Amino acid sequence: MASRQFATFEVADQLFGVEVHTVQEVLSYNEYTPVPGAPPAVGGLFNLRGQVIAAVDLRVQLGLARQALQGPVMNVILRGDGEPVSLLVDRIGEVVDLEDDAFEPPPDTLSGPTRELVVGTFKLDGRLMLALDVNQAVDTYRATT
C-alpha cells in the first residue's frame, strides 16, 4: 500500500502537515529583519548560512493574529520552485508515515483562509492533521479574508 511521510507542526493548537520532500530543514531562530511595505503575512527576513530567507507567518495566512517575533520562533523551511521560504509555526511535531487511502478531502466545516490552504486531512490518534498546500501557504499575495 502506498504511503507518504509528513512533517507535522502546530499553529493555534491545530495540527498541520506538509510532505517531507518539501521540507529543507526545521529550526528555531530569533533575529528577523522587518520588511517595510511587505504583505502582512511576511514576518521578516533572516540570514541562514549566507542565504536570505523570507519568513511567512502561518498564523496570518490562516486569518489569525500575527505571531510575536520575540525570542526563538520555530521555522519550517520549505523548498520551493525558487528560493527556500520559511513558515513560522508555534510548535514542531513529528514525521509521520500515512497511508494514501487514509487521505480525506477537507471537511465542509473548514472555512475562511484555512480552507484555501488545506488540500486534505488525515486522522491521527484522536487528532485531525490538515495537509497544507505548500504553494498556497507561502503565497503572501493571495487574498486573506
N, C-alpha and C. Protein backbone atom coordinates (compact mmCIF):
# COMPACT_ATOMS: atom_id res chain seq x y z
N MET A 1 0.84 -1.18 0.00
CA MET A 1 0.00 0.00 0.00
C MET A 1 0.88 1.25 0.00
N ALA A 2 0.54 2.23 -0.79
CA ALA A 2 1.34 3.44 -0.91
C ALA A 2 1.17 4.33 0.32
N SER A 3 2.28 4.94 0.72
CA SER A 3 2.22 5.86 1.85
C SER A 3 3.11 7.07 1.57
N ARG A 4 2.91 8.11 2.37
CA ARG A 4 3.70 9.33 2.26
C ARG A 4 4.13 9.74 3.66
N GLN A 5 5.26 10.45 3.73
CA GLN A 5 5.72 10.97 5.00
C GLN A 5 5.38 12.45 5.08
N PHE A 6 4.89 12.85 6.27
CA PHE A 6 4.55 14.24 6.51
C PHE A 6 5.32 14.74 7.72
N ALA A 7 5.86 15.97 7.61
CA ALA A 7 6.42 16.68 8.76
C ALA A 7 5.26 17.43 9.38
N THR A 8 5.05 17.27 10.68
CA THR A 8 3.90 17.91 11.33
C THR A 8 4.34 19.07 12.21
N PHE A 9 3.41 19.98 12.42
CA PHE A 9 3.63 21.14 13.29
C PHE A 9 2.28 21.69 13.69
N GLU A 10 2.28 22.55 14.71
CA GLU A 10 1.05 23.12 15.22
C GLU A 10 1.03 24.63 15.08
N VAL A 11 -0.16 25.14 14.80
CA VAL A 11 -0.43 26.57 14.81
C VAL A 11 -1.78 26.72 15.50
N ALA A 12 -1.83 27.50 16.57
CA ALA A 12 -3.06 27.73 17.33
C ALA A 12 -3.72 26.40 17.71
N ASP A 13 -2.93 25.47 18.21
CA ASP A 13 -3.39 24.15 18.67
C ASP A 13 -4.00 23.27 17.57
N GLN A 14 -3.84 23.65 16.32
CA GLN A 14 -4.30 22.82 15.20
C GLN A 14 -3.08 22.14 14.59
N LEU A 15 -3.22 20.85 14.27
CA LEU A 15 -2.12 20.08 13.70
C LEU A 15 -2.13 20.19 12.18
N PHE A 16 -0.99 20.55 11.62
CA PHE A 16 -0.81 20.66 10.17
C PHE A 16 0.33 19.75 9.75
N GLY A 17 0.39 19.46 8.46
CA GLY A 17 1.48 18.68 7.93
C GLY A 17 1.79 19.06 6.50
N VAL A 18 3.06 18.89 6.13
CA VAL A 18 3.50 19.06 4.75
C VAL A 18 4.33 17.84 4.40
N GLU A 19 4.30 17.44 3.15
CA GLU A 19 5.09 16.28 2.76
C GLU A 19 6.57 16.55 3.00
N VAL A 20 7.25 15.55 3.55
CA VAL A 20 8.65 15.68 3.95
C VAL A 20 9.53 16.14 2.80
N HIS A 21 9.26 15.69 1.60
CA HIS A 21 10.13 16.07 0.48
C HIS A 21 10.10 17.57 0.19
N THR A 22 9.11 18.31 0.73
CA THR A 22 9.05 19.76 0.53
C THR A 22 9.82 20.52 1.59
N VAL A 23 10.31 19.82 2.64
CA VAL A 23 10.97 20.46 3.77
C VAL A 23 12.49 20.41 3.59
N GLN A 24 13.11 21.58 3.68
CA GLN A 24 14.58 21.65 3.64
C GLN A 24 15.13 21.39 5.04
N GLU A 25 14.58 22.07 6.03
CA GLU A 25 15.01 21.88 7.41
C GLU A 25 14.03 22.56 8.35
N VAL A 26 14.19 22.25 9.64
CA VAL A 26 13.38 22.84 10.70
C VAL A 26 14.35 23.44 11.70
N LEU A 27 14.09 24.68 12.13
CA LEU A 27 14.99 25.30 13.09
C LEU A 27 14.29 26.37 13.89
N SER A 28 14.92 26.74 14.98
CA SER A 28 14.46 27.84 15.82
C SER A 28 15.36 29.03 15.52
N TYR A 29 14.75 30.20 15.36
CA TYR A 29 15.53 31.39 15.03
C TYR A 29 14.95 32.57 15.79
N ASN A 30 15.76 33.59 16.07
CA ASN A 30 15.23 34.70 16.86
C ASN A 30 15.60 36.10 16.39
N GLU A 31 16.20 36.25 15.22
CA GLU A 31 16.53 37.59 14.73
C GLU A 31 15.97 37.77 13.32
N TYR A 32 14.89 38.54 13.23
CA TYR A 32 14.22 38.77 11.95
C TYR A 32 14.32 40.25 11.60
N THR A 33 14.54 40.52 10.33
CA THR A 33 14.59 41.89 9.85
C THR A 33 13.25 42.23 9.22
N PRO A 34 12.57 43.28 9.72
CA PRO A 34 11.28 43.67 9.13
C PRO A 34 11.44 44.09 7.67
N VAL A 35 10.36 43.94 6.91
CA VAL A 35 10.37 44.31 5.50
C VAL A 35 9.26 45.35 5.29
N PRO A 36 9.62 46.65 5.32
CA PRO A 36 8.61 47.70 5.13
C PRO A 36 7.89 47.54 3.79
N GLY A 37 6.57 47.68 3.82
CA GLY A 37 5.77 47.59 2.60
C GLY A 37 5.46 46.17 2.16
N ALA A 38 5.95 45.17 2.88
CA ALA A 38 5.68 43.77 2.51
C ALA A 38 4.25 43.40 2.91
N PRO A 39 3.69 42.38 2.30
CA PRO A 39 2.36 41.91 2.71
C PRO A 39 2.37 41.55 4.20
N PRO A 40 1.21 41.66 4.88
CA PRO A 40 1.14 41.41 6.32
C PRO A 40 1.65 40.04 6.75
N ALA A 41 1.55 39.03 5.89
CA ALA A 41 1.98 37.68 6.26
C ALA A 41 3.50 37.53 6.30
N VAL A 42 4.24 38.48 5.76
CA VAL A 42 5.70 38.38 5.79
C VAL A 42 6.17 38.84 7.17
N GLY A 43 6.65 37.88 7.95
CA GLY A 43 7.11 38.18 9.30
C GLY A 43 8.45 38.87 9.32
N GLY A 44 9.23 38.70 8.27
CA GLY A 44 10.55 39.31 8.19
C GLY A 44 11.49 38.43 7.38
N LEU A 45 12.75 38.84 7.38
CA LEU A 45 13.80 38.09 6.69
C LEU A 45 14.83 37.67 7.71
N PHE A 46 15.53 36.57 7.43
CA PHE A 46 16.66 36.18 8.27
C PHE A 46 17.73 35.54 7.41
N ASN A 47 18.94 35.55 7.95
CA ASN A 47 20.10 35.03 7.24
C ASN A 47 20.39 33.62 7.74
N LEU A 48 20.31 32.67 6.83
CA LEU A 48 20.60 31.28 7.15
C LEU A 48 21.84 30.86 6.37
N ARG A 49 22.97 30.84 7.07
CA ARG A 49 24.24 30.45 6.45
C ARG A 49 24.51 31.18 5.13
N GLY A 50 24.29 32.50 5.16
CA GLY A 50 24.57 33.32 3.99
C GLY A 50 23.42 33.44 3.00
N GLN A 51 22.33 32.75 3.24
CA GLN A 51 21.17 32.83 2.34
C GLN A 51 20.04 33.58 3.05
N VAL A 52 19.48 34.58 2.38
CA VAL A 52 18.38 35.35 2.96
C VAL A 52 17.08 34.58 2.74
N ILE A 53 16.36 34.34 3.85
CA ILE A 53 15.13 33.56 3.83
C ILE A 53 13.97 34.45 4.27
N ALA A 54 12.88 34.44 3.51
CA ALA A 54 11.66 35.14 3.91
C ALA A 54 10.87 34.24 4.85
N ALA A 55 10.41 34.83 5.95
CA ALA A 55 9.62 34.09 6.94
C ALA A 55 8.15 34.49 6.79
N VAL A 56 7.30 33.52 6.45
CA VAL A 56 5.87 33.75 6.28
C VAL A 56 5.17 33.29 7.55
N ASP A 57 4.42 34.20 8.15
CA ASP A 57 3.70 33.89 9.39
C ASP A 57 2.44 33.10 9.04
N LEU A 58 2.46 31.80 9.35
CA LEU A 58 1.31 30.95 9.01
C LEU A 58 0.06 31.38 9.76
N ARG A 59 0.22 31.99 10.93
CA ARG A 59 -0.94 32.49 11.66
C ARG A 59 -1.69 33.53 10.81
N VAL A 60 -0.97 34.45 10.21
CA VAL A 60 -1.59 35.49 9.38
C VAL A 60 -2.25 34.84 8.16
N GLN A 61 -1.58 33.87 7.55
CA GLN A 61 -2.14 33.18 6.39
C GLN A 61 -3.45 32.47 6.75
N LEU A 62 -3.59 32.06 8.00
CA LEU A 62 -4.80 31.37 8.46
C LEU A 62 -5.87 32.34 8.97
N GLY A 63 -5.58 33.64 8.89
CA GLY A 63 -6.56 34.63 9.34
C GLY A 63 -6.51 34.90 10.83
N LEU A 64 -5.39 34.54 11.48
CA LEU A 64 -5.24 34.74 12.92
C LEU A 64 -4.32 35.94 13.18
N ALA A 65 -4.18 36.30 14.46
CA ALA A 65 -3.29 37.40 14.84
C ALA A 65 -1.84 37.02 14.57
N ARG A 66 -1.06 38.02 14.22
CA ARG A 66 0.37 37.85 13.93
C ARG A 66 1.10 37.26 15.13
N GLN A 67 2.09 36.43 14.84
CA GLN A 67 2.93 35.84 15.89
C GLN A 67 3.93 36.89 16.39
N ALA A 68 4.12 36.95 17.71
CA ALA A 68 5.13 37.86 18.27
C ALA A 68 6.50 37.27 17.98
N LEU A 69 7.33 38.03 17.32
CA LEU A 69 8.68 37.54 16.97
C LEU A 69 9.67 37.96 18.05
N GLN A 70 9.38 37.53 19.27
CA GLN A 70 10.26 37.81 20.40
C GLN A 70 10.81 36.49 20.90
N GLY A 71 12.12 36.39 20.93
CA GLY A 71 12.74 35.14 21.33
C GLY A 71 12.71 34.15 20.19
N PRO A 72 13.10 32.91 20.48
CA PRO A 72 13.15 31.90 19.42
C PRO A 72 11.77 31.57 18.85
N VAL A 73 11.69 31.50 17.54
CA VAL A 73 10.45 31.15 16.84
C VAL A 73 10.75 29.95 15.96
N MET A 74 9.82 29.01 15.90
CA MET A 74 10.03 27.80 15.11
C MET A 74 9.76 28.08 13.63
N ASN A 75 10.66 27.57 12.80
CA ASN A 75 10.59 27.74 11.35
C ASN A 75 10.61 26.39 10.66
N VAL A 76 9.70 26.23 9.69
CA VAL A 76 9.74 25.08 8.79
C VAL A 76 10.17 25.66 7.46
N ILE A 77 11.40 25.37 7.05
CA ILE A 77 11.93 25.93 5.81
C ILE A 77 11.59 24.98 4.68
N LEU A 78 10.85 25.52 3.72
CA LEU A 78 10.33 24.73 2.61
C LEU A 78 11.14 24.97 1.36
N ARG A 79 11.32 23.91 0.59
CA ARG A 79 11.94 24.03 -0.74
C ARG A 79 10.82 24.43 -1.69
N GLY A 80 11.00 25.54 -2.34
CA GLY A 80 10.01 25.95 -3.31
C GLY A 80 10.54 25.79 -4.72
N ASP A 81 9.78 26.27 -5.67
CA ASP A 81 10.25 26.25 -7.06
C ASP A 81 11.43 27.21 -7.21
N GLY A 82 11.41 28.27 -6.40
CA GLY A 82 12.50 29.24 -6.45
C GLY A 82 13.35 29.13 -5.22
N GLU A 83 13.38 30.19 -4.42
CA GLU A 83 14.18 30.23 -3.20
C GLU A 83 13.44 29.55 -2.05
N PRO A 84 14.17 29.03 -1.08
CA PRO A 84 13.52 28.48 0.11
C PRO A 84 12.74 29.57 0.85
N VAL A 85 11.64 29.17 1.48
CA VAL A 85 10.79 30.08 2.25
C VAL A 85 10.49 29.40 3.57
N SER A 86 10.43 30.19 4.64
CA SER A 86 10.15 29.64 5.95
C SER A 86 8.70 29.91 6.35
N LEU A 87 8.07 28.91 6.98
CA LEU A 87 6.77 29.10 7.62
C LEU A 87 7.03 29.24 9.11
N LEU A 88 6.54 30.31 9.72
CA LEU A 88 6.63 30.48 11.16
C LEU A 88 5.47 29.71 11.78
N VAL A 89 5.78 28.80 12.69
CA VAL A 89 4.77 27.95 13.32
C VAL A 89 4.96 28.00 14.84
N ASP A 90 3.95 27.50 15.57
CA ASP A 90 4.01 27.53 17.04
C ASP A 90 4.89 26.42 17.61
N ARG A 91 4.70 25.19 17.12
CA ARG A 91 5.43 24.04 17.64
C ARG A 91 5.71 23.06 16.51
N ILE A 92 6.85 22.39 16.62
CA ILE A 92 7.22 21.36 15.66
C ILE A 92 6.74 20.02 16.20
N GLY A 93 6.21 19.20 15.31
CA GLY A 93 5.76 17.87 15.70
C GLY A 93 6.72 16.80 15.21
N GLU A 94 6.16 15.67 14.83
CA GLU A 94 6.94 14.52 14.38
C GLU A 94 6.80 14.33 12.88
N VAL A 95 7.63 13.45 12.35
CA VAL A 95 7.45 12.97 10.98
C VAL A 95 6.61 11.71 11.08
N VAL A 96 5.53 11.67 10.30
CA VAL A 96 4.62 10.52 10.36
C VAL A 96 4.47 9.91 8.98
N ASP A 97 4.34 8.57 8.95
CA ASP A 97 4.06 7.84 7.71
C ASP A 97 2.56 7.64 7.64
N LEU A 98 1.95 8.08 6.55
CA LEU A 98 0.50 7.98 6.40
C LEU A 98 0.14 7.27 5.11
N GLU A 99 -0.81 6.35 5.21
CA GLU A 99 -1.27 5.59 4.05
C GLU A 99 -2.12 6.50 3.15
N ASP A 100 -1.90 6.40 1.84
CA ASP A 100 -2.66 7.21 0.89
C ASP A 100 -4.16 7.00 1.00
N ASP A 101 -4.59 5.78 1.34
CA ASP A 101 -6.03 5.53 1.41
C ASP A 101 -6.67 6.14 2.66
N ALA A 102 -5.87 6.69 3.58
CA ALA A 102 -6.41 7.38 4.75
C ALA A 102 -6.66 8.86 4.48
N PHE A 103 -6.23 9.33 3.31
CA PHE A 103 -6.40 10.73 2.93
C PHE A 103 -7.88 11.02 2.68
N GLU A 104 -8.37 12.12 3.23
CA GLU A 104 -9.76 12.54 3.03
C GLU A 104 -9.77 13.99 2.58
N PRO A 105 -10.81 14.39 1.83
CA PRO A 105 -10.90 15.79 1.43
C PRO A 105 -11.13 16.68 2.67
N PRO A 106 -10.87 17.98 2.53
CA PRO A 106 -11.11 18.87 3.68
C PRO A 106 -12.57 18.80 4.12
N PRO A 107 -12.83 18.84 5.43
CA PRO A 107 -14.21 18.79 5.90
C PRO A 107 -14.99 20.03 5.49
N ASP A 108 -16.30 19.87 5.33
CA ASP A 108 -17.15 21.00 4.96
C ASP A 108 -17.15 22.09 6.02
N THR A 109 -16.82 21.74 7.26
CA THR A 109 -16.82 22.71 8.35
C THR A 109 -15.61 23.64 8.29
N LEU A 110 -14.63 23.31 7.49
CA LEU A 110 -13.44 24.14 7.35
C LEU A 110 -13.80 25.33 6.46
N SER A 111 -13.54 26.54 6.96
CA SER A 111 -13.94 27.71 6.19
C SER A 111 -12.85 28.78 6.23
N GLY A 112 -13.10 29.87 5.53
CA GLY A 112 -12.19 31.01 5.52
C GLY A 112 -10.85 30.69 4.90
N PRO A 113 -9.83 31.44 5.32
CA PRO A 113 -8.49 31.26 4.74
C PRO A 113 -7.94 29.85 4.92
N THR A 114 -8.30 29.19 6.01
CA THR A 114 -7.79 27.84 6.25
C THR A 114 -8.20 26.91 5.14
N ARG A 115 -9.44 27.02 4.67
CA ARG A 115 -9.93 26.14 3.60
C ARG A 115 -9.09 26.27 2.34
N GLU A 116 -8.63 27.48 2.04
CA GLU A 116 -7.81 27.71 0.84
C GLU A 116 -6.44 27.07 0.95
N LEU A 117 -5.97 26.86 2.18
CA LEU A 117 -4.61 26.35 2.38
C LEU A 117 -4.54 24.84 2.53
N VAL A 118 -5.68 24.19 2.78
CA VAL A 118 -5.69 22.77 3.10
C VAL A 118 -6.14 21.95 1.90
N VAL A 119 -5.35 20.92 1.58
CA VAL A 119 -5.69 20.04 0.45
C VAL A 119 -6.41 18.78 0.90
N GLY A 120 -6.30 18.47 2.20
CA GLY A 120 -6.97 17.27 2.70
C GLY A 120 -6.62 17.03 4.15
N THR A 121 -7.11 15.90 4.68
CA THR A 121 -6.91 15.58 6.09
C THR A 121 -6.53 14.12 6.27
N PHE A 122 -5.94 13.85 7.41
CA PHE A 122 -5.64 12.50 7.86
C PHE A 122 -6.03 12.42 9.33
N LYS A 123 -6.66 11.34 9.74
CA LYS A 123 -6.98 11.14 11.15
C LYS A 123 -5.80 10.44 11.82
N LEU A 124 -5.30 11.07 12.90
CA LEU A 124 -4.17 10.52 13.66
C LEU A 124 -4.55 10.43 15.12
N ASP A 125 -4.53 9.27 15.70
CA ASP A 125 -4.70 9.07 17.14
C ASP A 125 -5.53 10.17 17.83
N GLY A 126 -6.76 10.32 17.44
CA GLY A 126 -7.64 11.28 18.09
C GLY A 126 -7.48 12.72 17.64
N ARG A 127 -6.63 12.96 16.66
CA ARG A 127 -6.43 14.32 16.13
C ARG A 127 -6.58 14.30 14.63
N LEU A 128 -6.96 15.42 14.10
CA LEU A 128 -7.07 15.59 12.67
C LEU A 128 -5.87 16.39 12.19
N MET A 129 -5.10 15.84 11.24
CA MET A 129 -3.98 16.57 10.67
C MET A 129 -4.45 17.17 9.35
N LEU A 130 -4.27 18.47 9.22
CA LEU A 130 -4.63 19.17 7.99
C LEU A 130 -3.38 19.23 7.10
N ALA A 131 -3.50 18.67 5.91
CA ALA A 131 -2.38 18.67 4.96
C ALA A 131 -2.39 20.00 4.20
N LEU A 132 -1.30 20.75 4.32
CA LEU A 132 -1.21 22.08 3.70
C LEU A 132 -0.82 22.01 2.24
N ASP A 133 -1.37 22.93 1.46
CA ASP A 133 -0.91 23.19 0.11
C ASP A 133 0.27 24.15 0.28
N VAL A 134 1.48 23.67 0.09
CA VAL A 134 2.68 24.46 0.34
C VAL A 134 2.69 25.74 -0.49
N ASN A 135 2.32 25.66 -1.75
CA ASN A 135 2.34 26.86 -2.60
C ASN A 135 1.38 27.93 -2.10
N GLN A 136 0.19 27.53 -1.68
CA GLN A 136 -0.77 28.49 -1.13
C GLN A 136 -0.29 29.05 0.20
N ALA A 137 0.30 28.20 1.03
CA ALA A 137 0.76 28.64 2.37
C ALA A 137 1.81 29.72 2.30
N VAL A 138 2.67 29.69 1.29
CA VAL A 138 3.74 30.70 1.19
C VAL A 138 3.39 31.84 0.24
N ASP A 139 2.21 31.81 -0.36
CA ASP A 139 1.79 32.87 -1.27
C ASP A 139 1.26 34.06 -0.46
N THR A 140 2.11 35.04 -0.23
CA THR A 140 1.74 36.18 0.61
C THR A 140 0.88 37.20 -0.13
N TYR A 141 0.66 36.99 -1.41
CA TYR A 141 -0.15 37.94 -2.18
C TYR A 141 -1.58 37.46 -2.38
N ARG A 142 -1.90 36.25 -1.90
CA ARG A 142 -3.28 35.77 -2.04
C ARG A 142 -4.15 36.58 -1.09
N ALA A 143 -5.41 36.69 -1.41
CA ALA A 143 -6.35 37.45 -0.59
C ALA A 143 -6.68 36.67 0.67
N THR A 144 -6.50 37.29 1.82
CA THR A 144 -6.92 36.67 3.08
C THR A 144 -8.19 37.35 3.54
N THR A 145 -9.13 36.53 4.01
CA THR A 145 -10.40 37.10 4.46
C THR A 145 -10.61 36.82 5.92
